[in-house]
Amino acid sequence: MDEQRKQADPTLVCTCNDLYIDDIEAAITEGIVDYVEIMQYNDTLPRCGECDSHVQRLVEDNDDSSNDTDN
């Protein structure tokens, strides 16, 4: 992972595959919540795995947002 690139652009989630928050959220919107499947949705595969926790946080945040609108 390229920490300098991530610091320069906070929307960058995966420096190995150049995936941004919008790319991850597009997969989540389609109902995909598994890390590997999110990568596959974006026509790539996990490499170093450093972004796994960030991806999972986005999934959880999206799930929390969905629950807020359910009430």
PDB file of N, CA and C in Angstrom:
ATOM      1  N   MET A   1       0.842  -1.169   0.000  1.00  0.00           N
ATOM      2  CA  MET A   1       0.000   0.000   0.000  1.00  0.00           C
ATOM      3  C   MET A   1       0.891   1.237   0.000  1.00  0.00           C
ATOM      4  N   ASP A   2       0.441   2.230  -0.728  1.00  0.00           N
ATOM      5  CA  ASP A   2       1.181   3.489  -0.829  1.00  0.00           C
ATOM      6  C   ASP A   2       0.538   4.506   0.116  1.00  0.00           C
ATOM      7  N   GLU A   3       1.080   4.593   1.313  1.00  0.00           N
ATOM      8  CA  GLU A   3       0.509   5.453   2.357  1.00  0.00           C
ATOM      9  C   GLU A   3       0.499   6.921   1.945  1.00  0.00           C
ATOM     10  N   GLN A   4       1.509   7.368   1.212  1.00  0.00           N
ATOM     11  CA  GLN A   4       1.553   8.766   0.775  1.00  0.00           C
ATOM     12  C   GLN A   4       0.386   9.091  -0.155  1.00  0.00           C
ATOM     13  N   ARG A   5       0.066   8.173  -1.050  1.00  0.00           N
ATOM     14  CA  ARG A   5      -1.071   8.398  -1.960  1.00  0.00           C
ATOM     15  C   ARG A   5      -2.375   8.466  -1.181  1.00  0.00           C
ATOM     16  N   LYS A   6      -2.522   7.591  -0.190  1.00  0.00           N
ATOM     17  CA  LYS A   6      -3.748   7.606   0.615  1.00  0.00           C
ATOM     18  C   LYS A   6      -3.873   8.905   1.394  1.00  0.00           C
ATOM     19  N   GLN A   7      -2.777   9.390   1.917  1.00  0.00           N
ATOM     20  CA  GLN A   7      -2.811  10.651   2.659  1.00  0.00           C
ATOM     21  C   GLN A   7      -3.112  11.823   1.734  1.00  0.00           C
ATOM     22  N   ALA A   8      -2.631  11.758   0.513  1.00  0.00           N
ATOM     23  CA  ALA A   8      -2.855  12.837  -0.446  1.00  0.00           C
ATOM     24  C   ALA A   8      -4.304  12.881  -0.932  1.00  0.00           C
ATOM     25  N   ASP A   9      -4.956  11.728  -0.960  1.00  0.00           N
ATOM     26  CA  ASP A   9      -6.351  11.652  -1.424  1.00  0.00           C
ATOM     27  C   ASP A   9      -7.141  10.753  -0.480  1.00  0.00           C
ATOM     28  N   PRO A  10      -7.860  11.328   0.465  1.00  0.00           N
ATOM     29  CA  PRO A  10      -8.593  10.525   1.450  1.00  0.00           C
ATOM     30  C   PRO A  10      -9.725   9.687   0.858  1.00  0.00           C
ATOM     31  N   THR A  11     -10.088   9.919  -0.396  1.00  0.00           N
ATOM     32  CA  THR A  11     -11.128   9.083  -1.012  1.00  0.00           C
ATOM     33  C   THR A  11     -10.549   7.799  -1.595  1.00  0.00           C
ATOM     34  N   LEU A  12      -9.226   7.689  -1.635  1.00  0.00           N
ATOM     35  CA  LEU A  12      -8.560   6.497  -2.145  1.00  0.00           C
ATOM     36  C   LEU A  12      -8.582   5.416  -1.068  1.00  0.00           C
ATOM     37  N   VAL A  13      -9.175   4.275  -1.401  1.00  0.00           N
ATOM     38  CA  VAL A  13      -9.286   3.170  -0.452  1.00  0.00           C
ATOM     39  C   VAL A  13      -8.183   2.152  -0.695  1.00  0.00           C
ATOM     40  N   CYS A  14      -7.985   1.767  -1.942  1.00  0.00           N
ATOM     41  CA  CYS A  14      -7.042   0.711  -2.295  1.00  0.00           C
ATOM     42  C   CYS A  14      -6.018   1.246  -3.283  1.00  0.00           C
ATOM     43  N   THR A  15      -4.787   1.416  -2.808  1.00  0.00           N
ATOM     44  CA  THR A  15      -3.743   1.944  -3.688  1.00  0.00           C
ATOM     45  C   THR A  15      -3.240   0.888  -4.663  1.00  0.00           C
ATOM     46  N   CYS A  16      -3.347  -0.375  -4.310  1.00  0.00           N
ATOM     47  CA  CYS A  16      -2.889  -1.436  -5.217  1.00  0.00           C
ATOM     48  C   CYS A  16      -3.735  -1.489  -6.485  1.00  0.00           C
ATOM     49  N   ASN A  17      -5.048  -1.291  -6.316  1.00  0.00           N
ATOM     50  CA  ASN A  17      -5.988  -1.429  -7.427  1.00  0.00           C
ATOM     51  C   ASN A  17      -6.644  -0.111  -7.829  1.00  0.00           C
ATOM     52  N   ASP A  18      -6.191   0.999  -7.256  1.00  0.00           N
ATOM     53  CA  ASP A  18      -6.764   2.319  -7.548  1.00  0.00           C
ATOM     54  C   ASP A  18      -8.279   2.347  -7.386  1.00  0.00           C
ATOM     55  N   LEU A  19      -8.741   1.876  -6.244  1.00  0.00           N
ATOM     56  CA  LEU A  19     -10.178   1.907  -5.950  1.00  0.00           C
ATOM     57  C   LEU A  19     -10.454   3.025  -4.949  1.00  0.00           C
ATOM     58  N   TYR A  20     -11.513   3.747  -5.231  1.00  0.00           N
ATOM     59  CA  TYR A  20     -11.894   4.888  -4.414  1.00  0.00           C
ATOM     60  C   TYR A  20     -13.205   4.579  -3.683  1.00  0.00           C
ATOM     61  N   ILE A  21     -13.544   5.436  -2.742  1.00  0.00           N
ATOM     62  CA  ILE A  21     -14.766   5.248  -1.963  1.00  0.00           C
ATOM     63  C   ILE A  21     -15.961   5.049  -2.885  1.00  0.00           C
ATOM     64  N   ASP A  22     -16.065   5.846  -3.943  1.00  0.00           N
ATOM     65  CA  ASP A  22     -17.198   5.718  -4.878  1.00  0.00           C
ATOM     66  C   ASP A  22     -17.255   4.330  -5.512  1.00  0.00           C
ATOM     67  N   ASP A  23     -16.095   3.742  -5.813  1.00  0.00           N
ATOM     68  CA  ASP A  23     -16.052   2.395  -6.401  1.00  0.00           C
ATOM     69  C   ASP A  23     -16.591   1.367  -5.412  1.00  0.00           C
ATOM     70  N   ILE A  24     -16.184   1.488  -4.169  1.00  0.00           N
ATOM     71  CA  ILE A  24     -16.626   0.546  -3.137  1.00  0.00           C
ATOM     72  C   ILE A  24     -18.118   0.724  -2.881  1.00  0.00           C
ATOM     73  N   GLU A  25     -18.558   1.971  -2.763  1.00  0.00           N
ATOM     74  CA  GLU A  25     -19.972   2.237  -2.490  1.00  0.00           C
ATOM     75  C   GLU A  25     -20.873   1.794  -3.636  1.00  0.00           C
ATOM     76  N   ALA A  26     -20.379   1.832  -4.861  1.00  0.00           N
ATOM     77  CA  ALA A  26     -21.175   1.347  -6.000  1.00  0.00           C
ATOM     78  C   ALA A  26     -21.475  -0.134  -5.838  1.00  0.00           C
ATOM     79  N   ALA A  27     -20.483  -0.890  -5.404  1.00  0.00           N
ATOM     80  CA  ALA A  27     -20.692  -2.323  -5.171  1.00  0.00           C
ATOM     81  C   ALA A  27     -21.653  -2.543  -4.017  1.00  0.00           C
ATOM     82  N   ILE A  28     -21.485  -1.784  -2.953  1.00  0.00           N
ATOM     83  CA  ILE A  28     -22.353  -1.921  -1.780  1.00  0.00           C
ATOM     84  C   ILE A  28     -23.803  -1.615  -2.158  1.00  0.00           C
ATOM     85  N   THR A  29     -23.999  -0.601  -2.990  1.00  0.00           N
ATOM     86  CA  THR A  29     -25.341  -0.233  -3.445  1.00  0.00           C
ATOM     87  C   THR A  29     -26.006  -1.386  -4.195  1.00  0.00           C
ATOM     88  N   GLU A  30     -25.192  -2.197  -4.862  1.00  0.00           N
ATOM     89  CA  GLU A  30     -25.702  -3.366  -5.587  1.00  0.00           C
ATOM     90  C   GLU A  30     -25.936  -4.555  -4.650  1.00  0.00           C
ATOM     91  N   GLY A  31     -25.695  -4.359  -3.356  1.00  0.00           N
ATOM     92  CA  GLY A  31     -25.930  -5.423  -2.379  1.00  0.00           C
ATOM     93  C   GLY A  31     -24.723  -6.300  -2.103  1.00  0.00           C
ATOM     94  N   ILE A  32     -23.585  -5.914  -2.611  1.00  0.00           N
ATOM     95  CA  ILE A  32     -22.364  -6.701  -2.413  1.00  0.00           C
ATOM     96  C   ILE A  32     -21.659  -6.183  -1.164  1.00  0.00           C
ATOM     97  N   VAL A  33     -21.406  -7.075  -0.207  1.00  0.00           N
ATOM     98  CA  VAL A  33     -20.786  -6.651   1.041  1.00  0.00           C
ATOM     99  C   VAL A  33     -19.522  -7.448   1.382  1.00  0.00           C
ATOM    100  N   ASP A  34     -19.230  -8.490   0.634  1.00  0.00           N
ATOM    101  CA  ASP A  34     -18.037  -9.294   0.867  1.00  0.00           C
ATOM    102  C   ASP A  34     -16.827  -8.621   0.215  1.00  0.00           C
ATOM    103  N   TYR A  35     -15.725  -8.559   0.949  1.00  0.00           N
ATOM    104  CA  TYR A  35     -14.512  -7.880   0.486  1.00  0.00           C
ATOM    105  C   TYR A  35     -14.059  -8.368  -0.895  1.00  0.00           C
ATOM    106  N   VAL A  36     -13.918  -9.664  -1.058  1.00  0.00           N
ATOM    107  CA  VAL A  36     -13.438 -10.209  -2.336  1.00  0.00           C
ATOM    108  C   VAL A  36     -14.451  -9.928  -3.448  1.00  0.00           C
ATOM    109  N   GLU A  37     -15.724 -10.065  -3.155  1.00  0.00           N
ATOM    110  CA  GLU A  37     -16.755  -9.798  -4.167  1.00  0.00           C
ATOM    111  C   GLU A  37     -16.800  -8.326  -4.555  1.00  0.00           C
ATOM    112  N   ILE A  38     -16.523  -7.441  -3.606  1.00  0.00           N
ATOM    113  CA  ILE A  38     -16.451  -6.011  -3.922  1.00  0.00           C
ATOM    114  C   ILE A  38     -15.295  -5.757  -4.884  1.00  0.00           C
ATOM    115  N   MET A  39     -14.184  -6.425  -4.624  1.00  0.00           N
ATOM    116  CA  MET A  39     -13.043  -6.296  -5.539  1.00  0.00           C
ATOM    117  C   MET A  39     -13.403  -6.828  -6.921  1.00  0.00           C
ATOM    118  N   GLN A  40     -14.039  -7.979  -6.965  1.00  0.00           N
ATOM    119  CA  GLN A  40     -14.435  -8.577  -8.241  1.00  0.00           C
ATOM    120  C   GLN A  40     -15.426  -7.686  -8.989  1.00  0.00           C
ATOM    121  N   TYR A  41     -16.348  -7.067  -8.265  1.00  0.00           N
ATOM    122  CA  TYR A  41     -17.306  -6.150  -8.874  1.00  0.00           C
ATOM    123  C   TYR A  41     -16.558  -5.042  -9.629  1.00  0.00           C
ATOM    124  N   ASN A  42     -15.415  -4.653  -9.089  1.00  0.00           N
ATOM    125  CA  ASN A  42     -14.601  -3.596  -9.696  1.00  0.00           C
ATOM    126  C   ASN A  42     -13.519  -4.161 -10.616  1.00  0.00           C
ATOM    127  N   ASP A  43     -13.735  -5.397 -11.085  1.00  0.00           N
ATOM    128  CA  ASP A  43     -12.847  -6.058 -12.051  1.00  0.00           C
ATOM    129  C   ASP A  43     -11.408  -6.181 -11.571  1.00  0.00           C
ATOM    130  N   THR A  44     -11.246  -6.501 -10.294  1.00  0.00           N
ATOM    131  CA  THR A  44      -9.911  -6.693  -9.743  1.00  0.00           C
ATOM    132  C   THR A  44      -9.977  -7.728  -8.633  1.00  0.00           C
ATOM    133  N   LEU A  45      -8.844  -8.037  -8.072  1.00  0.00           N
ATOM    134  CA  LEU A  45      -8.757  -8.962  -6.947  1.00  0.00           C
ATOM    135  C   LEU A  45      -7.903  -8.325  -5.861  1.00  0.00           C
ATOM    136  N   PRO A  46      -8.102  -8.726  -4.615  1.00  0.00           N
ATOM    137  CA  PRO A  46      -7.261  -8.186  -3.547  1.00  0.00           C
ATOM    138  C   PRO A  46      -5.795  -8.510  -3.795  1.00  0.00           C
ATOM    139  N   ARG A  47      -4.953  -7.605  -3.404  1.00  0.00           N
ATOM    140  CA  ARG A  47      -3.505  -7.834  -3.509  1.00  0.00           C
ATOM    141  C   ARG A  47      -2.919  -7.924  -2.110  1.00  0.00           C
ATOM    142  N   CYS A  48      -2.589  -6.799  -1.505  1.00  0.00           N
ATOM    143  CA  CYS A  48      -1.915  -6.845  -0.208  1.00  0.00           C
ATOM    144  C   CYS A  48      -2.895  -7.013   0.957  1.00  0.00           C
ATOM    145  N   GLY A  49      -4.158  -6.645   0.767  1.00  0.00           N
ATOM    146  CA  GLY A  49      -5.166  -6.807   1.815  1.00  0.00           C
ATOM    147  C   GLY A  49      -5.230  -5.672   2.821  1.00  0.00           C
ATOM    148  N   GLU A  50      -4.381  -4.675   2.682  1.00  0.00           N
ATOM    149  CA  GLU A  50      -4.368  -3.557   3.629  1.00  0.00           C
ATOM    150  C   GLU A  50      -5.686  -2.765   3.638  1.00  0.00           C
ATOM    151  N   CYS A  51      -6.422  -2.790   2.550  1.00  0.00           N
ATOM    152  CA  CYS A  51      -7.648  -1.998   2.464  1.00  0.00           C
ATOM    153  C   CYS A  51      -8.870  -2.743   3.018  1.00  0.00           C
ATOM    154  N   ASP A  52      -8.707  -3.991   3.402  1.00  0.00           N
ATOM    155  CA  ASP A  52      -9.836  -4.799   3.879  1.00  0.00           C
ATOM    156  C   ASP A  52     -10.603  -4.100   4.996  1.00  0.00           C
ATOM    157  N   SER A  53      -9.897  -3.577   5.989  1.00  0.00           N
ATOM    158  CA  SER A  53     -10.585  -2.941   7.116  1.00  0.00           C
ATOM    159  C   SER A  53     -11.325  -1.672   6.683  1.00  0.00           C
ATOM    160  N   HIS A  54     -10.746  -0.919   5.747  1.00  0.00           N
ATOM    161  CA  HIS A  54     -11.412   0.288   5.251  1.00  0.00           C
ATOM    162  C   HIS A  54     -12.678  -0.083   4.474  1.00  0.00           C
ATOM    163  N   VAL A  55     -12.584  -1.117   3.649  1.00  0.00           N
ATOM    164  CA  VAL A  55     -13.745  -1.588   2.889  1.00  0.00           C
ATOM    165  C   VAL A  55     -14.841  -2.040   3.857  1.00  0.00           C
ATOM    166  N   GLN A  56     -14.473  -2.795   4.879  1.00  0.00           N
ATOM    167  CA  GLN A  56     -15.465  -3.275   5.843  1.00  0.00           C
ATOM    168  C   GLN A  56     -16.116  -2.121   6.597  1.00  0.00           C
ATOM    169  N   ARG A  57     -15.334  -1.075   6.891  1.00  0.00           N
ATOM    170  CA  ARG A  57     -15.892   0.111   7.546  1.00  0.00           C
ATOM    171  C   ARG A  57     -16.928   0.783   6.649  1.00  0.00           C
ATOM    172  N   LEU A  58     -16.638   0.848   5.354  1.00  0.00           N
ATOM    173  CA  LEU A  58     -17.594   1.433   4.411  1.00  0.00           C
ATOM    174  C   LEU A  58     -18.870   0.594   4.344  1.00  0.00           C
ATOM    175  N   VAL A  59     -18.722  -0.720   4.365  1.00  0.00           N
ATOM    176  CA  VAL A  59     -19.887  -1.616   4.367  1.00  0.00           C
ATOM    177  C   VAL A  59     -20.716  -1.366   5.629  1.00  0.00           C
ATOM    178  N   GLU A  60     -20.047  -1.304   6.769  1.00  0.00           N
ATOM    179  CA  GLU A  60     -20.753  -1.075   8.039  1.00  0.00           C
ATOM    180  C   GLU A  60     -21.419   0.288   8.062  1.00  0.00           C
ATOM    181  N   ASP A  61     -20.719   1.312   7.588  1.00  0.00           N
ATOM    182  CA  ASP A  61     -21.292   2.655   7.550  1.00  0.00           C
ATOM    183  C   ASP A  61     -22.526   2.697   6.665  1.00  0.00           C
ATOM    184  N   ASN A  62     -22.468   1.997   5.541  1.00  0.00           N
ATOM    185  CA  ASN A  62     -23.605   1.941   4.642  1.00  0.00           C
ATOM    186  C   ASN A  62     -24.769   1.215   5.294  1.00  0.00           C
ATOM    187  N   ASP A  63     -24.466   0.156   6.008  1.00  0.00           N
ATOM    188  CA  ASP A  63     -25.496  -0.609   6.706  1.00  0.00           C
ATOM    189  C   ASP A  63     -26.151   0.237   7.786  1.00  0.00           C
ATOM    190  N   ASP A  64     -25.336   1.030   8.515  1.00  0.00           N
ATOM    191  CA  ASP A  64     -25.871   1.931   9.527  1.00  0.00           C
ATOM    192  C   ASP A  64     -26.771   2.978   8.907  1.00  0.00           C
ATOM    193  N   SER A  65     -26.383   3.498   7.742  1.00  0.00           N
ATOM    194  CA  SER A  65     -27.192   4.506   7.040  1.00  0.00           C
ATOM    195  C   SER A  65     -28.515   3.902   6.594  1.00  0.00           C
ATOM    196  N   SER A  66     -28.482   2.656   6.130  1.00  0.00           N
ATOM    197  CA  SER A  66     -29.708   1.984   5.704  1.00  0.00           C
ATOM    198  C   SER A  66     -30.651   1.793   6.868  1.00  0.00           C
ATOM    199  N   ASN A  67     -30.096   1.427   8.012  1.00  0.00           N
ATOM    200  CA  ASN A  67     -30.931   1.226   9.191  1.00  0.00           C
ATOM    201  C   ASN A  67     -31.560   2.521   9.663  1.00  0.00           C
ATOM    202  N   ASP A  68     -30.855   3.633   9.507  1.00  0.00           N
ATOM    203  CA  ASP A  68     -31.403   4.925   9.912  1.00  0.00           C
ATOM    204  C   ASP A  68     -32.624   5.299   9.083  1.00  0.00           C
ATOM    205  N   THR A  69     -32.638   4.928   7.809  1.00  0.00           N
ATOM    206  CA  THR A  69     -33.754   5.292   6.953  1.00  0.00           C
ATOM    207  C   THR A  69     -34.914   4.323   7.109  1.00  0.00           C
ATOM    208  N   ASP A  70     -34.664   3.171   7.728  1.00  0.00           N
ATOM    209  CA  ASP A  70     -35.727   2.195   7.928  1.00  0.00           C
ATOM    210  C   ASP A  70     -36.700   2.622   9.003  1.00  0.00           C
ATOM    211  N   ASN A  71     -36.286   3.510   9.894  1.00  0.00           N
ATOM    212  CA  ASN A  71     -37.134   3.919  11.021  1.00  0.00           C
ATOM    213  C   ASN A  71     -38.113   4.969  10.658  1.00  0.00           C
TER     214      ASN A  71
END
